[in-house]
PDB file of all heavy atoms in Angstrom:
ATOM      1  N   ALA A   1       0.834  -1.197   0.000  1.00  0.00           N
ATOM      2  CA  ALA A   1       0.000   0.000   0.000  1.00  0.00           C
ATOM      3  C   ALA A   1       0.870   1.249   0.000  1.00  0.00           C
ATOM      4  O   ALA A   1       0.587   2.221  -0.702  1.00  0.00           O
ATOM      5  CB  ALA A   1      -0.919  -0.009   1.222  1.00  0.00           C
ATOM      6  N   ASP A   2       1.966   1.236   0.797  1.00  0.00           N
ATOM      7  CA  ASP A   2       2.875   2.386   0.836  1.00  0.00           C
ATOM      8  C   ASP A   2       3.523   2.598  -0.526  1.00  0.00           C
ATOM      9  O   ASP A   2       3.669   3.726  -0.988  1.00  0.00           O
ATOM     10  CB  ASP A   2       3.964   2.149   1.888  1.00  0.00           C
ATOM     11  CG  ASP A   2       3.420   2.219   3.305  1.00  0.00           C
ATOM     12  OD1 ASP A   2       2.303   2.736   3.470  1.00  0.00           O
ATOM     13  OD2 ASP A   2       4.109   1.752   4.225  1.00  0.00           O
ATOM     14  N   HIS A   3       3.931   1.496  -1.162  1.00  0.00           N
ATOM     15  CA  HIS A   3       4.556   1.602  -2.487  1.00  0.00           C
ATOM     16  C   HIS A   3       3.598   2.236  -3.482  1.00  0.00           C
ATOM     17  O   HIS A   3       3.965   3.116  -4.250  1.00  0.00           O
ATOM     18  CB  HIS A   3       4.969   0.217  -2.972  1.00  0.00           C
ATOM     19  CG  HIS A   3       5.186   0.158  -4.449  1.00  0.00           C
ATOM     20  ND1 HIS A   3       6.317   0.653  -5.060  1.00  0.00           N
ATOM     21  CD2 HIS A   3       4.392  -0.308  -5.449  1.00  0.00           C
ATOM     22  CE1 HIS A   3       6.200   0.489  -6.365  1.00  0.00           C
ATOM     23  NE2 HIS A   3       5.063  -0.085  -6.632  1.00  0.00           N
ATOM     24  N   THR A   4       2.335   1.802  -3.464  1.00  0.00           N
ATOM     25  CA  THR A   4       1.340   2.329  -4.401  1.00  0.00           C
ATOM     26  C   THR A   4       1.127   3.816  -4.180  1.00  0.00           C
ATOM     27  O   THR A   4       1.043   4.595  -5.126  1.00  0.00           O
ATOM     28  CB  THR A   4       0.011   1.572  -4.233  1.00  0.00           C
ATOM     29  OG1 THR A   4       0.232   0.183  -4.506  1.00  0.00           O
ATOM     30  CG2 THR A   4      -1.034   2.104  -5.203  1.00  0.00           C
ATOM     31  N   GLU A   5       1.066   4.212  -2.892  1.00  0.00           N
ATOM     32  CA  GLU A   5       0.863   5.626  -2.590  1.00  0.00           C
ATOM     33  C   GLU A   5       2.045   6.459  -3.066  1.00  0.00           C
ATOM     34  O   GLU A   5       1.871   7.524  -3.666  1.00  0.00           O
ATOM     35  CB  GLU A   5       0.678   5.798  -1.074  1.00  0.00           C
ATOM     36  CG  GLU A   5       0.393   7.230  -0.654  1.00  0.00           C
ATOM     37  CD  GLU A   5       0.111   7.361   0.824  1.00  0.00           C
ATOM     38  OE1 GLU A   5       0.073   6.325   1.516  1.00  0.00           O
ATOM     39  OE2 GLU A   5      -0.052   8.502   1.289  1.00  0.00           O
ATOM     40  N   ASP A   6       3.272   5.979  -2.836  1.00  0.00           N
ATOM     41  CA  ASP A   6       4.453   6.703  -3.278  1.00  0.00           C
ATOM     42  C   ASP A   6       4.482   6.832  -4.801  1.00  0.00           C
ATOM     43  O   ASP A   6       4.806   7.881  -5.346  1.00  0.00           O
ATOM     44  CB  ASP A   6       5.719   5.982  -2.806  1.00  0.00           C
ATOM     45  CG  ASP A   6       5.894   6.073  -1.301  1.00  0.00           C
ATOM     46  OD1 ASP A   6       5.227   6.916  -0.682  1.00  0.00           O
ATOM     47  OD2 ASP A   6       6.685   5.280  -0.751  1.00  0.00           O
ATOM     48  N   LYS A   7       4.181   5.736  -5.492  1.00  0.00           N
ATOM     49  CA  LYS A   7       4.184   5.743  -6.956  1.00  0.00           C
ATOM     50  C   LYS A   7       3.166   6.746  -7.487  1.00  0.00           C
ATOM     51  O   LYS A   7       3.449   7.484  -8.433  1.00  0.00           O
ATOM     52  CB  LYS A   7       3.864   4.340  -7.489  1.00  0.00           C
ATOM     53  CG  LYS A   7       3.877   4.256  -9.015  1.00  0.00           C
ATOM     54  CD  LYS A   7       3.442   2.895  -9.496  1.00  0.00           C
ATOM     55  CE  LYS A   7       1.952   2.730  -9.416  1.00  0.00           C
ATOM     56  NZ  LYS A   7       1.197   3.613 -10.328  1.00  0.00           N
ATOM     57  N   ASN A   8       2.001   6.782  -6.875  1.00  0.00           N
ATOM     58  CA  ASN A   8       0.967   7.707  -7.322  1.00  0.00           C
ATOM     59  C   ASN A   8       1.416   9.157  -7.164  1.00  0.00           C
ATOM     60  O   ASN A   8       1.158  10.001  -8.032  1.00  0.00           O
ATOM     61  CB  ASN A   8      -0.325   7.476  -6.549  1.00  0.00           C
ATOM     62  CG  ASN A   8      -1.056   6.221  -6.988  1.00  0.00           C
ATOM     63  OD1 ASN A   8      -0.724   5.629  -8.012  1.00  0.00           O
ATOM     64  ND2 ASN A   8      -2.032   5.808  -6.210  1.00  0.00           N
ATOM     65  N   ASP A   9       2.087   9.457  -6.055  1.00  0.00           N
ATOM     66  CA  ASP A   9       2.566  10.829  -5.827  1.00  0.00           C
ATOM     67  C   ASP A   9       3.545  11.246  -6.917  1.00  0.00           C
ATOM     68  O   ASP A   9       3.484  12.368  -7.429  1.00  0.00           O
ATOM     69  CB  ASP A   9       3.243  10.933  -4.450  1.00  0.00           C
ATOM     70  CG  ASP A   9       2.251  10.844  -3.299  1.00  0.00           C
ATOM     71  OD1 ASP A   9       1.046  11.020  -3.556  1.00  0.00           O
ATOM     72  OD2 ASP A   9       2.683  10.590  -2.162  1.00  0.00           O
ATOM     73  N   VAL A  10       4.454  10.347  -7.270  1.00  0.00           N
ATOM     74  CA  VAL A  10       5.440  10.656  -8.310  1.00  0.00           C
ATOM     75  C   VAL A  10       4.750  10.825  -9.654  1.00  0.00           C
ATOM     76  O   VAL A  10       5.052  11.745 -10.421  1.00  0.00           O
ATOM     77  CB  VAL A  10       6.514   9.549  -8.389  1.00  0.00           C
ATOM     78  CG1 VAL A  10       7.457   9.801  -9.565  1.00  0.00           C
ATOM     79  CG2 VAL A  10       7.311   9.488  -7.093  1.00  0.00           C
ATOM     80  N   GLN A  11       3.798   9.935  -9.944  1.00  0.00           N
ATOM     81  CA  GLN A  11       3.126  10.023 -11.239  1.00  0.00           C
ATOM     82  C   GLN A  11       2.301  11.297 -11.342  1.00  0.00           C
ATOM     83  O   GLN A  11       2.222  11.908 -12.424  1.00  0.00           O
ATOM     84  CB  GLN A  11       2.242   8.800 -11.485  1.00  0.00           C
ATOM     85  CG  GLN A  11       1.629   8.797 -12.891  1.00  0.00           C
ATOM     86  CD  GLN A  11       0.983   7.483 -13.261  1.00  0.00           C
ATOM     87  OE1 GLN A  11       1.327   6.436 -12.710  1.00  0.00           O
ATOM     88  NE2 GLN A  11       0.041   7.524 -14.187  1.00  0.00           N
ATOM     89  N   LEU A  12       1.686  11.714 -10.244  1.00  0.00           N
ATOM     90  CA  LEU A  12       0.929  12.969 -10.278  1.00  0.00           C
ATOM     91  C   LEU A  12       1.841  14.150 -10.597  1.00  0.00           C
ATOM     92  O   LEU A  12       1.475  15.044 -11.362  1.00  0.00           O
ATOM     93  CB  LEU A  12       0.220  13.186  -8.937  1.00  0.00           C
ATOM     94  CG  LEU A  12      -0.999  12.304  -8.667  1.00  0.00           C
ATOM     95  CD1 LEU A  12      -1.452  12.463  -7.220  1.00  0.00           C
ATOM     96  CD2 LEU A  12      -2.141  12.648  -9.623  1.00  0.00           C
ATOM     97  N   ARG A  13       3.026  14.144 -10.018  1.00  0.00           N
ATOM     98  CA  ARG A  13       3.984  15.224 -10.298  1.00  0.00           C
ATOM     99  C   ARG A  13       4.438  15.160 -11.752  1.00  0.00           C
ATOM    100  O   ARG A  13       4.574  16.195 -12.419  1.00  0.00           O
ATOM    101  CB  ARG A  13       5.180  15.106  -9.351  1.00  0.00           C
ATOM    102  CG  ARG A  13       6.181  16.259  -9.490  1.00  0.00           C
ATOM    103  CD  ARG A  13       7.210  16.200  -8.368  1.00  0.00           C
ATOM    104  NE  ARG A  13       7.961  14.952  -8.399  1.00  0.00           N
ATOM    105  CZ  ARG A  13       8.412  14.318  -7.297  1.00  0.00           C
ATOM    106  NH1 ARG A  13       8.178  14.823  -6.104  1.00  0.00           N
ATOM    107  NH2 ARG A  13       9.105  13.198  -7.417  1.00  0.00           N
ATOM    108  N   LEU A  14       4.671  13.957 -12.242  1.00  0.00           N
ATOM    109  CA  LEU A  14       5.069  13.791 -13.645  1.00  0.00           C
ATOM    110  C   LEU A  14       3.971  14.303 -14.572  1.00  0.00           C
ATOM    111  O   LEU A  14       4.252  15.000 -15.549  1.00  0.00           O
ATOM    112  CB  LEU A  14       5.368  12.319 -13.908  1.00  0.00           C
ATOM    113  CG  LEU A  14       5.713  11.895 -15.343  1.00  0.00           C
ATOM    114  CD1 LEU A  14       6.761  10.780 -15.326  1.00  0.00           C
ATOM    115  CD2 LEU A  14       4.463  11.392 -16.070  1.00  0.00           C
ATOM    116  N   GLU A  15       2.732  13.973 -14.287  1.00  0.00           N
ATOM    117  CA  GLU A  15       1.625  14.408 -15.140  1.00  0.00           C
ATOM    118  C   GLU A  15       1.485  15.922 -15.127  1.00  0.00           C
ATOM    119  O   GLU A  15       1.182  16.542 -16.153  1.00  0.00           O
ATOM    120  CB  GLU A  15       0.332  13.723 -14.702  1.00  0.00           C
ATOM    121  CG  GLU A  15       0.324  12.227 -14.990  1.00  0.00           C
ATOM    122  CD  GLU A  15      -0.981  11.545 -14.606  1.00  0.00           C
ATOM    123  OE1 GLU A  15      -1.877  12.237 -14.072  1.00  0.00           O
ATOM    124  OE2 GLU A  15      -1.111  10.332 -14.837  1.00  0.00           O
ATOM    125  N   ALA A  16       1.726  16.530 -13.962  1.00  0.00           N
ATOM    126  CA  ALA A  16       1.655  17.990 -13.877  1.00  0.00           C
ATOM    127  C   ALA A  16       2.756  18.630 -14.722  1.00  0.00           C
ATOM    128  O   ALA A  16       2.542  19.673 -15.365  1.00  0.00           O
ATOM    129  CB  ALA A  16       1.789  18.429 -12.417  1.00  0.00           C
ATOM    130  N   ALA A  17       3.920  17.997 -14.745  1.00  0.00           N
ATOM    131  CA  ALA A  17       5.023  18.518 -15.570  1.00  0.00           C
ATOM    132  C   ALA A  17       4.685  18.416 -17.053  1.00  0.00           C
ATOM    133  O   ALA A  17       4.957  19.342 -17.825  1.00  0.00           O
ATOM    134  CB  ALA A  17       6.307  17.737 -15.260  1.00  0.00           C
ATOM    135  N   VAL A  18       4.083  17.307 -17.455  1.00  0.00           N
ATOM    136  CA  VAL A  18       3.686  17.143 -18.854  1.00  0.00           C
ATOM    137  C   VAL A  18       2.632  18.188 -19.224  1.00  0.00           C
ATOM    138  O   VAL A  18       2.660  18.772 -20.317  1.00  0.00           O
ATOM    139  CB  VAL A  18       3.157  15.725 -19.116  1.00  0.00           C
ATOM    140  CG1 VAL A  18       2.598  15.603 -20.534  1.00  0.00           C
ATOM    141  CG2 VAL A  18       4.266  14.691 -18.902  1.00  0.00           C
ATOM    142  N   ASP A  19       1.714  18.443 -18.297  1.00  0.00           N
ATOM    143  CA  ASP A  19       0.699  19.475 -18.529  1.00  0.00           C
ATOM    144  C   ASP A  19       1.365  20.825 -18.804  1.00  0.00           C
ATOM    145  O   ASP A  19       0.987  21.555 -19.730  1.00  0.00           O
ATOM    146  CB  ASP A  19      -0.197  19.617 -17.292  1.00  0.00           C
ATOM    147  CG  ASP A  19      -1.322  18.593 -17.271  1.00  0.00           C
ATOM    148  OD1 ASP A  19      -1.691  18.096 -18.349  1.00  0.00           O
ATOM    149  OD2 ASP A  19      -1.818  18.291 -16.175  1.00  0.00           O
ATOM    150  N   GLN A  20       2.337  21.164 -17.967  1.00  0.00           N
ATOM    151  CA  GLN A  20       2.994  22.468 -18.117  1.00  0.00           C
ATOM    152  C   GLN A  20       3.752  22.553 -19.431  1.00  0.00           C
ATOM    153  O   GLN A  20       3.672  23.566 -20.144  1.00  0.00           O
ATOM    154  CB  GLN A  20       3.948  22.730 -16.951  1.00  0.00           C
ATOM    155  CG  GLN A  20       4.557  24.129 -16.995  1.00  0.00           C
ATOM    156  CD  GLN A  20       5.444  24.423 -15.801  1.00  0.00           C
ATOM    157  OE1 GLN A  20       6.550  24.929 -15.955  1.00  0.00           O
ATOM    158  NE2 GLN A  20       4.959  24.121 -14.598  1.00  0.00           N
ATOM    159  N   ILE A  21       4.483  21.506 -19.765  1.00  0.00           N
ATOM    160  CA  ILE A  21       5.230  21.508 -21.029  1.00  0.00           C
ATOM    161  C   ILE A  21       4.281  21.613 -22.209  1.00  0.00           C
ATOM    162  O   ILE A  21       4.541  22.333 -23.181  1.00  0.00           O
ATOM    163  CB  ILE A  21       6.092  20.231 -21.134  1.00  0.00           C
ATOM    164  CG1 ILE A  21       7.249  20.299 -20.127  1.00  0.00           C
ATOM    165  CG2 ILE A  21       6.626  20.050 -22.560  1.00  0.00           C
ATOM    166  CD1 ILE A  21       8.037  19.013 -20.009  1.00  0.00           C
ATOM    167  N   SER A  22       3.154  20.906 -22.132  1.00  0.00           N
ATOM    168  CA  SER A  22       2.180  20.942 -23.222  1.00  0.00           C
ATOM    169  C   SER A  22       1.643  22.364 -23.442  1.00  0.00           C
ATOM    170  O   SER A  22       1.648  22.889 -24.569  1.00  0.00           O
ATOM    171  CB  SER A  22       1.024  19.992 -22.924  1.00  0.00           C
ATOM    172  OG  SER A  22       0.012  20.107 -23.901  1.00  0.00           O
ATOM    173  N   ALA A  23       1.201  22.987 -22.354  1.00  0.00           N
ATOM    174  CA  ALA A  23       0.589  24.306 -22.472  1.00  0.00           C
ATOM    175  C   ALA A  23       1.593  25.381 -22.883  1.00  0.00           C
ATOM    176  O   ALA A  23       1.322  26.213 -23.765  1.00  0.00           O
ATOM    177  CB  ALA A  23      -0.066  24.682 -21.148  1.00  0.00           C
ATOM    178  N   ARG A  24       2.757  25.358 -22.266  1.00  0.00           N
ATOM    179  CA  ARG A  24       3.729  26.423 -22.537  1.00  0.00           C
ATOM    180  C   ARG A  24       4.486  26.182 -23.841  1.00  0.00           C
ATOM    181  O   ARG A  24       4.895  27.144 -24.504  1.00  0.00           O
ATOM    182  CB  ARG A  24       4.675  26.563 -21.348  1.00  0.00           C
ATOM    183  CG  ARG A  24       3.904  26.953 -20.086  1.00  0.00           C
ATOM    184  CD  ARG A  24       4.774  27.187 -18.881  1.00  0.00           C
ATOM    185  NE  ARG A  24       3.934  27.348 -17.685  1.00  0.00           N
ATOM    186  CZ  ARG A  24       4.400  27.633 -16.470  1.00  0.00           C
ATOM    187  NH1 ARG A  24       5.713  27.801 -16.292  1.00  0.00           N
ATOM    188  NH2 ARG A  24       3.572  27.744 -15.447  1.00  0.00           N
ATOM    189  N   GLY A  25       4.616  24.908 -24.215  1.00  0.00           N
ATOM    190  CA  GLY A  25       5.209  24.624 -25.520  1.00  0.00           C
ATOM    191  C   GLY A  25       4.278  25.057 -26.635  1.00  0.00           C
ATOM    192  O   GLY A  25       4.720  25.621 -27.649  1.00  0.00           O
ATOM    193  N   ALA A  26       2.981  24.817 -26.441  1.00  0.00           N
ATOM    194  CA  ALA A  26       2.004  25.246 -27.445  1.00  0.00           C
ATOM    195  C   ALA A  26       2.000  26.774 -27.561  1.00  0.00           C
ATOM    196  O   ALA A  26       1.866  27.329 -28.652  1.00  0.00           O
ATOM    197  CB  ALA A  26       0.611  24.741 -27.067  1.00  0.00           C
ATOM    198  N   LEU A  27       2.169  27.445 -26.417  1.00  0.00           N
ATOM    199  CA  LEU A  27       2.227  28.911 -26.429  1.00  0.00           C
ATOM    200  C   LEU A  27       3.476  29.393 -27.169  1.00  0.00           C
ATOM    201  O   LEU A  27       3.412  30.347 -27.965  1.00  0.00           O
ATOM    202  CB  LEU A  27       2.238  29.445 -24.999  1.00  0.00           C
ATOM    203  CG  LEU A  27       2.402  30.959 -24.832  1.00  0.00           C
ATOM    204  CD1 LEU A  27       1.252  31.700 -25.530  1.00  0.00           C
ATOM    205  CD2 LEU A  27       2.451  31.318 -23.352  1.00  0.00           C
ATOM    206  N   ALA A  28       4.590  28.718 -26.951  1.00  0.00           N
ATOM    207  CA  ALA A  28       5.847  29.117 -27.604  1.00  0.00           C
ATOM    208  C   ALA A  28       5.752  28.997 -29.120  1.00  0.00           C
ATOM    209  O   ALA A  28       6.377  29.769 -29.855  1.00  0.00           O
ATOM    210  CB  ALA A  28       6.998  28.262 -27.085  1.00  0.00           C
ATOM    211  N   PHE A  29       4.938  28.023 -29.577  1.00  0.00           N
ATOM    212  CA  PHE A  29       4.840  27.790 -31.024  1.00  0.00           C
ATOM    213  C   PHE A  29       3.424  28.068 -31.543  1.00  0.00           C
ATOM    214  O   PHE A  29       2.946  27.405 -32.449  1.00  0.00           O
ATOM    215  CB  PHE A  29       5.248  26.351 -31.350  1.00  0.00           C
ATOM    216  CG  PHE A  29       6.716  26.101 -31.131  1.00  0.00           C
ATOM    217  CD1 PHE A  29       7.156  25.437 -30.005  1.00  0.00           C
ATOM    218  CD2 PHE A  29       7.659  26.581 -32.039  1.00  0.00           C
ATOM    219  CE1 PHE A  29       8.512  25.230 -29.786  1.00  0.00           C
ATOM    220  CE2 PHE A  29       9.017  26.375 -31.829  1.00  0.00           C
ATOM    221  CZ  PHE A  29       9.449  25.702 -30.694  1.00  0.00           C
ATOM    222  N   VAL A  30       2.789  29.069 -30.951  1.00  0.00           N
ATOM    223  CA  VAL A  30       1.423  29.392 -31.362  1.00  0.00           C
ATOM    224  C   VAL A  30       1.344  29.763 -32.841  1.00  0.00           C
ATOM    225  O   VAL A  30       0.295  29.591 -33.482  1.00  0.00           O
ATOM    226  CB  VAL A  30       0.856  30.541 -30.486  1.00  0.00           C
ATOM    227  CG1 VAL A  30       1.578  31.849 -30.778  1.00  0.00           C
ATOM    228  CG2 VAL A  30      -0.652  30.672 -30.653  1.00  0.00           C
ATOM    229  N   GLY A  31       2.450  30.228 -33.394  1.00  0.00           N
ATOM    230  CA  GLY A  31       2.461  30.592 -34.818  1.00  0.00           C
ATOM    231  C   GLY A  31       2.882  29.463 -35.724  1.00  0.00           C
ATOM    232  O   GLY A  31       2.936  29.642 -36.951  1.00  0.00           O
ATOM    233  N   ASP A  32       3.170  28.288 -35.164  1.00  0.00           N
ATOM    234  CA  ASP A  32       3.598  27.126 -35.955  1.00  0.00           C
ATOM    235  C   ASP A  32       2.617  25.993 -35.688  1.00  0.00           C
ATOM    236  O   ASP A  32       2.740  25.263 -34.688  1.00  0.00           O
ATOM    237  CB  ASP A  32       5.018  26.714 -35.539  1.00  0.00           C
ATOM    238  CG  ASP A  32       5.589  25.597 -36.402  1.00  0.00           C
ATOM    239  OD1 ASP A  32       4.801  24.743 -36.852  1.00  0.00           O
ATOM    240  OD2 ASP A  32       6.819  25.549 -36.573  1.00  0.00           O
ATOM    241  N   PRO A  33       1.615  25.813 -36.554  1.00  0.00           N
ATOM    242  CA  PRO A  33       0.562  24.822 -36.307  1.00  0.00           C
ATOM    243  C   PRO A  33       1.073  23.400 -36.067  1.00  0.00           C
ATOM    244  O   PRO A  33       0.498  22.667 -35.238  1.00  0.00           O
ATOM    245  CB  PRO A  33      -0.291  24.902 -37.579  1.00  0.00           C
ATOM    246  CG  PRO A  33      -0.034  26.269 -38.121  1.00  0.00           C
ATOM    247  CD  PRO A  33       1.404  26.551 -37.805  1.00  0.00           C
ATOM    248  N   VAL A  34       2.121  23.009 -36.739  1.00  0.00           N
ATOM    249  CA  VAL A  34       2.631  21.638 -36.600  1.00  0.00           C
ATOM    250  C   VAL A  34       3.229  21.421 -35.216  1.00  0.00           C
ATOM    251  O   VAL A  34       2.881  20.467 -34.508  1.00  0.00           O
ATOM    252  CB  VAL A  34       3.665  21.320 -37.694  1.00  0.00           C
ATOM    253  CG1 VAL A  34       4.291  19.942 -37.440  1.00  0.00           C
ATOM    254  CG2 VAL A  34       3.004  21.348 -39.070  1.00  0.00           C
ATOM    255  N   LEU A  35       4.132  22.303 -34.816  1.00  0.00           N
ATOM    256  CA  LEU A  35       4.765  22.154 -33.508  1.00  0.00           C
ATOM    257  C   LEU A  35       3.772  22.411 -32.374  1.00  0.00           C
ATOM    258  O   LEU A  35       3.796  21.730 -31.339  1.00  0.00           O
ATOM    259  CB  LEU A  35       5.965  23.091 -33.379  1.00  0.00           C
ATOM    260  CG  LEU A  35       7.217  22.669 -34.160  1.00  0.00           C
ATOM    261  CD1 LEU A  35       8.331  23.703 -33.990  1.00  0.00           C
ATOM    262  CD2 LEU A  35       7.699  21.304 -33.681  1.00  0.00           C
ATOM    263  N   LYS A  36       2.897  23.379 -32.552  1.00  0.00           N
ATOM    264  CA  LYS A  36       1.876  23.662 -31.540  1.00  0.00           C
ATOM    265  C   LYS A  36       1.044  22.404 -31.287  1.00  0.00           C
ATOM    266  O   LYS A  36       0.776  22.028 -30.133  1.00  0.00           O
ATOM    267  CB  LYS A  36       0.984  24.802 -32.007  1.00  0.00           C
ATOM    268  CG  LYS A  36      -0.161  25.150 -31.055  1.00  0.00           C
ATOM    269  CD  LYS A  36      -0.899  26.381 -31.564  1.00  0.00           C
ATOM    270  CE  LYS A  36      -2.080  26.742 -30.656  1.00  0.00           C
ATOM    271  NZ  LYS A  36      -3.190  25.757 -30.789  1.00  0.00           N
ATOM    272  N   ALA A  37       0.657  21.725 -32.373  1.00  0.00           N
ATOM    273  CA  ALA A  37      -0.159  20.520 -32.240  1.00  0.00           C
ATOM    274  C   ALA A  37       0.622  19.391 -31.550  1.00  0.00           C
ATOM    275  O   ALA A  37       0.047  18.610 -30.786  1.00  0.00           O
ATOM    276  CB  ALA A  37      -0.643  20.062 -33.611  1.00  0.00           C
ATOM    277  N   ARG A  38       1.931  19.301 -31.805  1.00  0.00           N
ATOM    278  CA  ARG A  38       2.734  18.255 -31.161  1.00  0.00           C
ATOM    279  C   ARG A  38       2.714  18.432 -29.641  1.00  0.00           C
ATOM    280  O   ARG A  38       2.575  17.459 -28.891  1.00  0.00           O
ATOM    281  CB  ARG A  38       4.183  18.291 -31.671  1.00  0.00           C
ATOM    282  CG  ARG A  38       4.344  17.856 -33.114  1.00  0.00           C
ATOM    283  CD  ARG A  38       5.787  17.442 -33.402  1.00  0.00           C
ATOM    284  NE  ARG A  38       6.059  17.340 -34.841  1.00  0.00           N
ATOM    285  CZ  ARG A  38       5.603  16.385 -35.637  1.00  0.00           C
ATOM    286  NH1 ARG A  38       4.824  15.444 -35.139  1.00  0.00           N
ATOM    287  NH2 ARG A  38       5.925  16.376 -36.926  1.00  0.00           N
ATOM    288  N   PHE A  39       2.864  19.646 -29.187  1.00  0.00           N
ATOM    289  CA  PHE A  39       2.837  19.909 -27.746  1.00  0.00           C
ATOM    290  C   PHE A  39       1.431  19.688 -27.169  1.00  0.00           C
ATOM    291  O   PHE A  39       1.283  19.154 -26.066  1.00  0.00           O
ATOM    292  CB  PHE A  39       3.339  21.327 -27.448  1.00  0.00           C
ATOM    293  CG  PHE A  39       4.846  21.438 -27.451  1.00  0.00           C
ATOM    294  CD1 PHE A  39       5.526  21.841 -28.594  1.00  0.00           C
ATOM    295  CD2 PHE A  39       5.570  21.123 -26.313  1.00  0.00           C
ATOM    296  CE1 PHE A  39       6.919  21.934 -28.610  1.00  0.00           C
ATOM    297  CE2 PHE A  39       6.973  21.216 -26.317  1.00  0.00           C
ATOM    298  CZ  PHE A  39       7.650  21.604 -27.460  1.00  0.00           C
TER     299      PHE A  39
END
């Protein structure tokens, strides 16, 4: 149970990082439809 809880905490942080990269990467390439879509 402790292992599962620890893993979930790490994965939540990882998902939040992906969210940030997605949003800010899309903003960085708002003028480039291909790269914006990749992010």
